[in-house]
Amino acid sequence: MKAKKFDSDFESGKDITGSLDLSKIKRPNQTQRRVNVDFPTWMIESLDKEASRLGVTRQSIIKVWLAERLESLAH
């Protein structure tokens, strides 16, 4: 597919995913590294309660809250 056709299809809202090579796609700054953090029991219980209320995992809520905090500090 030529670039003009690709751009035209994209601009008109057509599905262009069939024209993309997704086999090597990467999200920038999204590589993960494992860290171990020790939390007091009360904190884990609170995290689990909130995670359950929201229907997400403990790990997810920790990631979201840390990301929100770091983002607020960056501005």
PDB file of N, CA and C in Angstrom:
ATOM      1  N   MET A   1       0.846  -1.173   0.000  1.00  0.00           N
ATOM      2  CA  MET A   1       0.000   0.000   0.000  1.00  0.00           C
ATOM      3  C   MET A   1       0.890   1.235   0.000  1.00  0.00           C
ATOM      4  N   LYS A   2       0.557   2.174  -0.822  1.00  0.00           N
ATOM      5  CA  LYS A   2       1.314   3.423  -0.895  1.00  0.00           C
ATOM      6  C   LYS A   2       0.912   4.341   0.259  1.00  0.00           C
ATOM      7  N   ALA A   3       1.825   5.230   0.616  1.00  0.00           N
ATOM      8  CA  ALA A   3       1.618   6.114   1.756  1.00  0.00           C
ATOM      9  C   ALA A   3       0.371   6.974   1.607  1.00  0.00           C
ATOM     10  N   LYS A   4       0.116   7.485   0.413  1.00  0.00           N
ATOM     11  CA  LYS A   4      -1.061   8.339   0.212  1.00  0.00           C
ATOM     12  C   LYS A   4      -2.350   7.570   0.472  1.00  0.00           C
ATOM     13  N   LYS A   5      -2.419   6.331   0.007  1.00  0.00           N
ATOM     14  CA  LYS A   5      -3.594   5.490   0.227  1.00  0.00           C
ATOM     15  C   LYS A   5      -3.745   5.181   1.717  1.00  0.00           C
ATOM     16  N   PHE A   6      -2.626   4.845   2.352  1.00  0.00           N
ATOM     17  CA  PHE A   6      -2.636   4.561   3.783  1.00  0.00           C
ATOM     18  C   PHE A   6      -3.152   5.775   4.556  1.00  0.00           C
ATOM     19  N   ASP A   7      -2.597   6.959   4.265  1.00  0.00           N
ATOM     20  CA  ASP A   7      -3.023   8.189   4.937  1.00  0.00           C
ATOM     21  C   ASP A   7      -4.496   8.472   4.685  1.00  0.00           C
ATOM     22  N   SER A   8      -4.933   8.295   3.450  1.00  0.00           N
ATOM     23  CA  SER A   8      -6.326   8.536   3.092  1.00  0.00           C
ATOM     24  C   SER A   8      -7.259   7.601   3.860  1.00  0.00           C
ATOM     25  N   ASP A   9      -6.900   6.318   3.897  1.00  0.00           N
ATOM     26  CA  ASP A   9      -7.719   5.352   4.635  1.00  0.00           C
ATOM     27  C   ASP A   9      -7.763   5.692   6.116  1.00  0.00           C
ATOM     28  N   PHE A  10      -6.615   6.056   6.671  1.00  0.00           N
ATOM     29  CA  PHE A  10      -6.552   6.414   8.092  1.00  0.00           C
ATOM     30  C   PHE A  10      -7.423   7.634   8.385  1.00  0.00           C
ATOM     31  N   GLU A  11      -7.262   8.674   7.576  1.00  0.00           N
ATOM     32  CA  GLU A  11      -8.021   9.907   7.777  1.00  0.00           C
ATOM     33  C   GLU A  11      -9.526   9.707   7.635  1.00  0.00           C
ATOM     34  N   SER A  12      -9.932   8.766   6.793  1.00  0.00           N
ATOM     35  CA  SER A  12     -11.373   8.535   6.604  1.00  0.00           C
ATOM     36  C   SER A  12     -11.941   7.560   7.634  1.00  0.00           C
ATOM     37  N   GLY A  13     -11.083   7.088   8.547  1.00  0.00           N
ATOM     38  CA  GLY A  13     -11.558   6.234   9.624  1.00  0.00           C
ATOM     39  C   GLY A  13     -11.621   4.754   9.287  1.00  0.00           C
ATOM     40  N   LYS A  14     -11.055   4.374   8.162  1.00  0.00           N
ATOM     41  CA  LYS A  14     -11.051   2.955   7.787  1.00  0.00           C
ATOM     42  C   LYS A  14     -10.082   2.181   8.672  1.00  0.00           C
ATOM     43  N   ASP A  15     -10.324   0.890   8.833  1.00  0.00           N
ATOM     44  CA  ASP A  15      -9.443   0.023   9.610  1.00  0.00           C
ATOM     45  C   ASP A  15      -8.169  -0.236   8.813  1.00  0.00           C
ATOM     46  N   ILE A  16      -7.056   0.260   9.311  1.00  0.00           N
ATOM     47  CA  ILE A  16      -5.778   0.129   8.611  1.00  0.00           C
ATOM     48  C   ILE A  16      -4.871  -0.912   9.261  1.00  0.00           C
ATOM     49  N   THR A  17      -5.370  -1.613  10.277  1.00  0.00           N
ATOM     50  CA  THR A  17      -4.513  -2.554  10.997  1.00  0.00           C
ATOM     51  C   THR A  17      -4.009  -3.690  10.111  1.00  0.00           C
ATOM     52  N   GLY A  18      -4.756  -4.064   9.086  1.00  0.00           N
ATOM     53  CA  GLY A  18      -4.314  -5.106   8.178  1.00  0.00           C
ATOM     54  C   GLY A  18      -3.105  -4.695   7.360  1.00  0.00           C
ATOM     55  N   SER A  19      -2.844  -3.402   7.292  1.00  0.00           N
ATOM     56  CA  SER A  19      -1.706  -2.889   6.535  1.00  0.00           C
ATOM     57  C   SER A  19      -0.470  -2.692   7.407  1.00  0.00           C
ATOM     58  N   LEU A  20      -0.583  -2.995   8.686  1.00  0.00           N
ATOM     59  CA  LEU A  20       0.526  -2.787   9.616  1.00  0.00           C
ATOM     60  C   LEU A  20       1.200  -4.104   9.963  1.00  0.00           C
ATOM     61  N   ASP A  21       2.510  -4.066  10.168  1.00  0.00           N
ATOM     62  CA  ASP A  21       3.259  -5.220  10.655  1.00  0.00           C
ATOM     63  C   ASP A  21       3.333  -5.102  12.174  1.00  0.00           C
ATOM     64  N   LEU A  22       2.458  -5.814  12.867  1.00  0.00           N
ATOM     65  CA  LEU A  22       2.375  -5.710  14.318  1.00  0.00           C
ATOM     66  C   LEU A  22       3.306  -6.691  15.037  1.00  0.00           C
ATOM     67  N   SER A  23       4.068  -7.462  14.288  1.00  0.00           N
ATOM     68  CA  SER A  23       4.917  -8.486  14.904  1.00  0.00           C
ATOM     69  C   SER A  23       6.067  -7.893  15.721  1.00  0.00           C
ATOM     70  N   LYS A  24       6.455  -6.668  15.431  1.00  0.00           N
ATOM     71  CA  LYS A  24       7.596  -6.066  16.129  1.00  0.00           C
ATOM     72  C   LYS A  24       7.205  -4.800  16.884  1.00  0.00           C
ATOM     73  N   ILE A  25       5.919  -4.652  17.121  1.00  0.00           N
ATOM     74  CA  ILE A  25       5.448  -3.438  17.773  1.00  0.00           C
ATOM     75  C   ILE A  25       5.890  -3.413  19.230  1.00  0.00           C
ATOM     76  N   LYS A  26       6.299  -2.247  19.701  1.00  0.00           N
ATOM     77  CA  LYS A  26       6.708  -2.044  21.083  1.00  0.00           C
ATOM     78  C   LYS A  26       6.133  -0.736  21.574  1.00  0.00           C
ATOM     79  N   ARG A  27       5.793  -0.714  22.844  1.00  0.00           N
ATOM     80  CA  ARG A  27       5.341   0.525  23.471  1.00  0.00           C
ATOM     81  C   ARG A  27       6.544   1.167  24.148  1.00  0.00           C
ATOM     82  N   PRO A  28       6.860   2.417  23.802  1.00  0.00           N
ATOM     83  CA  PRO A  28       8.041   3.056  24.391  1.00  0.00           C
ATOM     84  C   PRO A  28       7.897   3.196  25.909  1.00  0.00           C
ATOM     85  N   ASN A  29       8.989   3.021  26.592  1.00  0.00           N
ATOM     86  CA  ASN A  29       9.047   3.153  28.056  1.00  0.00           C
ATOM     87  C   ASN A  29       8.114   2.193  28.778  1.00  0.00           C
ATOM     88  N   GLN A  30       7.817   1.055  28.187  1.00  0.00           N
ATOM     89  CA  GLN A  30       6.915   0.104  28.813  1.00  0.00           C
ATOM     90  C   GLN A  30       7.576  -1.227  29.164  1.00  0.00           C
ATOM     91  N   THR A  31       8.889  -1.311  29.017  1.00  0.00           N
ATOM     92  CA  THR A  31       9.540  -2.543  29.432  1.00  0.00           C
ATOM     93  C   THR A  31       9.399  -2.657  30.943  1.00  0.00           C
ATOM     94  N   GLN A  32       9.285  -3.870  31.417  1.00  0.00           N
ATOM     95  CA  GLN A  32       9.034  -4.067  32.831  1.00  0.00           C
ATOM     96  C   GLN A  32      10.223  -4.709  33.518  1.00  0.00           C
ATOM     97  N   ARG A  33      10.405  -4.331  34.767  1.00  0.00           N
ATOM     98  CA  ARG A  33      11.409  -4.928  35.639  1.00  0.00           C
ATOM     99  C   ARG A  33      10.717  -5.299  36.935  1.00  0.00           C
ATOM    100  N   ARG A  34      11.090  -6.409  37.472  1.00  0.00           N
ATOM    101  CA  ARG A  34      10.488  -6.872  38.718  1.00  0.00           C
ATOM    102  C   ARG A  34      11.197  -6.219  39.898  1.00  0.00           C
ATOM    103  N   VAL A  35      10.385  -5.760  40.856  1.00  0.00           N
ATOM    104  CA  VAL A  35      10.913  -5.237  42.118  1.00  0.00           C
ATOM    105  C   VAL A  35      10.145  -5.897  43.260  1.00  0.00           C
ATOM    106  N   ASN A  36      10.796  -6.039  44.359  1.00  0.00           N
ATOM    107  CA  ASN A  36      10.145  -6.576  45.553  1.00  0.00           C
ATOM    108  C   ASN A  36      10.011  -5.458  46.569  1.00  0.00           C
ATOM    109  N   VAL A  37       8.808  -5.305  47.099  1.00  0.00           N
ATOM    110  CA  VAL A  37       8.549  -4.269  48.087  1.00  0.00           C
ATOM    111  C   VAL A  37       7.826  -4.916  49.262  1.00  0.00           C
ATOM    112  N   ASP A  38       8.282  -4.628  50.449  1.00  0.00           N
ATOM    113  CA  ASP A  38       7.623  -5.131  51.651  1.00  0.00           C
ATOM    114  C   ASP A  38       6.663  -4.067  52.167  1.00  0.00           C
ATOM    115  N   PHE A  39       5.409  -4.460  52.370  1.00  0.00           N
ATOM    116  CA  PHE A  39       4.389  -3.567  52.904  1.00  0.00           C
ATOM    117  C   PHE A  39       3.907  -4.087  54.245  1.00  0.00           C
ATOM    118  N   PRO A  40       3.530  -3.192  55.144  1.00  0.00           N
ATOM    119  CA  PRO A  40       2.922  -3.646  56.396  1.00  0.00           C
ATOM    120  C   PRO A  40       1.584  -4.342  56.101  1.00  0.00           C
ATOM    121  N   THR A  41       1.190  -5.254  56.968  1.00  0.00           N
ATOM    122  CA  THR A  41      -0.034  -6.022  56.777  1.00  0.00           C
ATOM    123  C   THR A  41      -1.251  -5.125  56.595  1.00  0.00           C
ATOM    124  N   TRP A  42      -1.356  -4.068  57.379  1.00  0.00           N
ATOM    125  CA  TRP A  42      -2.523  -3.190  57.276  1.00  0.00           C
ATOM    126  C   TRP A  42      -2.619  -2.559  55.891  1.00  0.00           C
ATOM    127  N   MET A  43      -1.460  -2.268  55.301  1.00  0.00           N
ATOM    128  CA  MET A  43      -1.442  -1.646  53.984  1.00  0.00           C
ATOM    129  C   MET A  43      -1.892  -2.645  52.922  1.00  0.00           C
ATOM    130  N   ILE A  44      -1.439  -3.875  53.024  1.00  0.00           N
ATOM    131  CA  ILE A  44      -1.855  -4.905  52.075  1.00  0.00           C
ATOM    132  C   ILE A  44      -3.350  -5.153  52.181  1.00  0.00           C
ATOM    133  N   GLU A  45      -3.861  -5.194  53.403  1.00  0.00           N
ATOM    134  CA  GLU A  45      -5.301  -5.394  53.597  1.00  0.00           C
ATOM    135  C   GLU A  45      -6.100  -4.249  52.982  1.00  0.00           C
ATOM    136  N   SER A  46      -5.627  -3.033  53.160  1.00  0.00           N
ATOM    137  CA  SER A  46      -6.299  -1.874  52.566  1.00  0.00           C
ATOM    138  C   SER A  46      -6.226  -1.908  51.040  1.00  0.00           C
ATOM    139  N   LEU A  47      -5.064  -2.268  50.515  1.00  0.00           N
ATOM    140  CA  LEU A  47      -4.914  -2.390  49.065  1.00  0.00           C
ATOM    141  C   LEU A  47      -5.853  -3.456  48.505  1.00  0.00           C
ATOM    142  N   ASP A  48      -5.906  -4.602  49.181  1.00  0.00           N
ATOM    143  CA  ASP A  48      -6.778  -5.685  48.719  1.00  0.00           C
ATOM    144  C   ASP A  48      -8.245  -5.286  48.765  1.00  0.00           C
ATOM    145  N   LYS A  49      -8.639  -4.579  49.797  1.00  0.00           N
ATOM    146  CA  LYS A  49     -10.031  -4.128  49.923  1.00  0.00           C
ATOM    147  C   LYS A  49     -10.395  -3.183  48.776  1.00  0.00           C
ATOM    148  N   GLU A  50      -9.523  -2.235  48.508  1.00  0.00           N
ATOM    149  CA  GLU A  50      -9.794  -1.273  47.425  1.00  0.00           C
ATOM    150  C   GLU A  50      -9.728  -1.938  46.062  1.00  0.00           C
ATOM    151  N   ALA A  51      -8.782  -2.836  45.875  1.00  0.00           N
ATOM    152  CA  ALA A  51      -8.672  -3.556  44.610  1.00  0.00           C
ATOM    153  C   ALA A  51      -9.930  -4.392  44.370  1.00  0.00           C
ATOM    154  N   SER A  52     -10.418  -5.046  45.407  1.00  0.00           N
ATOM    155  CA  SER A  52     -11.640  -5.845  45.297  1.00  0.00           C
ATOM    156  C   SER A  52     -12.835  -4.963  44.954  1.00  0.00           C
ATOM    157  N   ARG A  53     -12.907  -3.818  45.602  1.00  0.00           N
ATOM    158  CA  ARG A  53     -14.014  -2.883  45.333  1.00  0.00           C
ATOM    159  C   ARG A  53     -14.026  -2.435  43.882  1.00  0.00           C
ATOM    160  N   LEU A  54     -12.826  -2.218  43.328  1.00  0.00           N
ATOM    161  CA  LEU A  54     -12.705  -1.761  41.943  1.00  0.00           C
ATOM    162  C   LEU A  54     -12.688  -2.911  40.938  1.00  0.00           C
ATOM    163  N   GLY A  55     -12.550  -4.137  41.428  1.00  0.00           N
ATOM    164  CA  GLY A  55     -12.524  -5.293  40.540  1.00  0.00           C
ATOM    165  C   GLY A  55     -11.221  -5.448  39.778  1.00  0.00           C
ATOM    166  N   VAL A  56     -10.126  -5.073  40.426  1.00  0.00           N
ATOM    167  CA  VAL A  56      -8.809  -5.195  39.811  1.00  0.00           C
ATOM    168  C   VAL A  56      -7.886  -5.943  40.767  1.00  0.00           C
ATOM    169  N   THR A  57      -6.689  -6.252  40.315  1.00  0.00           N
ATOM    170  CA  THR A  57      -5.720  -6.932  41.173  1.00  0.00           C
ATOM    171  C   THR A  57      -4.983  -5.930  42.055  1.00  0.00           C
ATOM    172  N   ARG A  58      -4.366  -6.454  43.089  1.00  0.00           N
ATOM    173  CA  ARG A  58      -3.545  -5.618  43.966  1.00  0.00           C
ATOM    174  C   ARG A  58      -2.424  -4.954  43.171  1.00  0.00           C
ATOM    175  N   GLN A  59      -1.790  -5.726  42.304  1.00  0.00           N
ATOM    176  CA  GLN A  59      -0.694  -5.189  41.498  1.00  0.00           C
ATOM    177  C   GLN A  59      -1.172  -4.041  40.615  1.00  0.00           C
ATOM    178  N   SER A  60      -2.353  -4.197  40.035  1.00  0.00           N
ATOM    179  CA  SER A  60      -2.889  -3.146  39.163  1.00  0.00           C
ATOM    180  C   SER A  60      -3.118  -1.852  39.914  1.00  0.00           C
ATOM    181  N   ILE A  61      -3.702  -1.954  41.095  1.00  0.00           N
ATOM    182  CA  ILE A  61      -3.989  -0.725  41.838  1.00  0.00           C
ATOM    183  C   ILE A  61      -2.705  -0.047  42.297  1.00  0.00           C
ATOM    184  N   ILE A  62      -1.706  -0.840  42.665  1.00  0.00           N
ATOM    185  CA  ILE A  62      -0.415  -0.257  43.049  1.00  0.00           C
ATOM    186  C   ILE A  62       0.197   0.479  41.863  1.00  0.00           C
ATOM    187  N   LYS A  63       0.171  -0.141  40.694  1.00  0.00           N
ATOM    188  CA  LYS A  63       0.737   0.497  39.496  1.00  0.00           C
ATOM    189  C   LYS A  63       0.014   1.793  39.150  1.00  0.00           C
ATOM    190  N   VAL A  64      -1.320   1.757  39.190  1.00  0.00           N
ATOM    191  CA  VAL A  64      -2.103   2.946  38.843  1.00  0.00           C
ATOM    192  C   VAL A  64      -1.821   4.071  39.831  1.00  0.00           C
ATOM    193  N   TRP A  65      -1.843   3.757  41.120  1.00  0.00           N
ATOM    194  CA  TRP A  65      -1.623   4.796  42.116  1.00  0.00           C
ATOM    195  C   TRP A  65      -0.215   5.369  42.033  1.00  0.00           C
ATOM    196  N   LEU A  66       0.777   4.521  41.821  1.00  0.00           N
ATOM    197  CA  LEU A  66       2.136   5.033  41.669  1.00  0.00           C
ATOM    198  C   LEU A  66       2.271   5.903  40.424  1.00  0.00           C
ATOM    199  N   ALA A  67       1.670   5.453  39.329  1.00  0.00           N
ATOM    200  CA  ALA A  67       1.724   6.235  38.082  1.00  0.00           C
ATOM    201  C   ALA A  67       1.068   7.598  38.272  1.00  0.00           C
ATOM    202  N   GLU A  68      -0.083   7.631  38.950  1.00  0.00           N
ATOM    203  CA  GLU A  68      -0.769   8.905  39.197  1.00  0.00           C
ATOM    204  C   GLU A  68       0.110   9.835  40.034  1.00  0.00           C
ATOM    205  N   ARG A  69       0.722   9.286  41.048  1.00  0.00           N
ATOM    206  CA  ARG A  69       1.574  10.092  41.923  1.00  0.00           C
ATOM    207  C   ARG A  69       2.788  10.633  41.183  1.00  0.00           C
ATOM    208  N   LEU A  70       3.445   9.763  40.426  1.00  0.00           N
ATOM    209  CA  LEU A  70       4.627  10.191  39.665  1.00  0.00           C
ATOM    210  C   LEU A  70       4.274  11.227  38.616  1.00  0.00           C
ATOM    211  N   GLU A  71       3.119  11.063  37.985  1.00  0.00           N
ATOM    212  CA  GLU A  71       2.672  12.024  36.985  1.00  0.00           C
ATOM    213  C   GLU A  71       2.397  13.385  37.633  1.00  0.00           C
ATOM    214  N   SER A  72       1.785  13.367  38.803  1.00  0.00           N
ATOM    215  CA  SER A  72       1.490  14.632  39.480  1.00  0.00           C
ATOM    216  C   SER A  72       2.774  15.344  39.904  1.00  0.00           C
ATOM    217  N   LEU A  73       3.782  14.588  40.258  1.00  0.00           N
ATOM    218  CA  LEU A  73       5.064  15.187  40.634  1.00  0.00           C
ATOM    219  C   LEU A  73       5.801  15.767  39.438  1.00  0.00           C
ATOM    220  N   ALA A  74       5.553  15.218  38.259  1.00  0.00           N
ATOM    221  CA  ALA A  74       6.242  15.664  37.053  1.00  0.00           C
ATOM    222  C   ALA A  74       5.710  17.010  36.548  1.00  0.00           C
ATOM    223  N   HIS A  75       4.523  17.383  36.987  1.00  0.00           N
ATOM    224  CA  HIS A  75       3.923  18.627  36.480  1.00  0.00           C
ATOM    225  C   HIS A  75       4.089  19.758  37.418  1.00  0.00           C
TER     226      HIS A  75
END
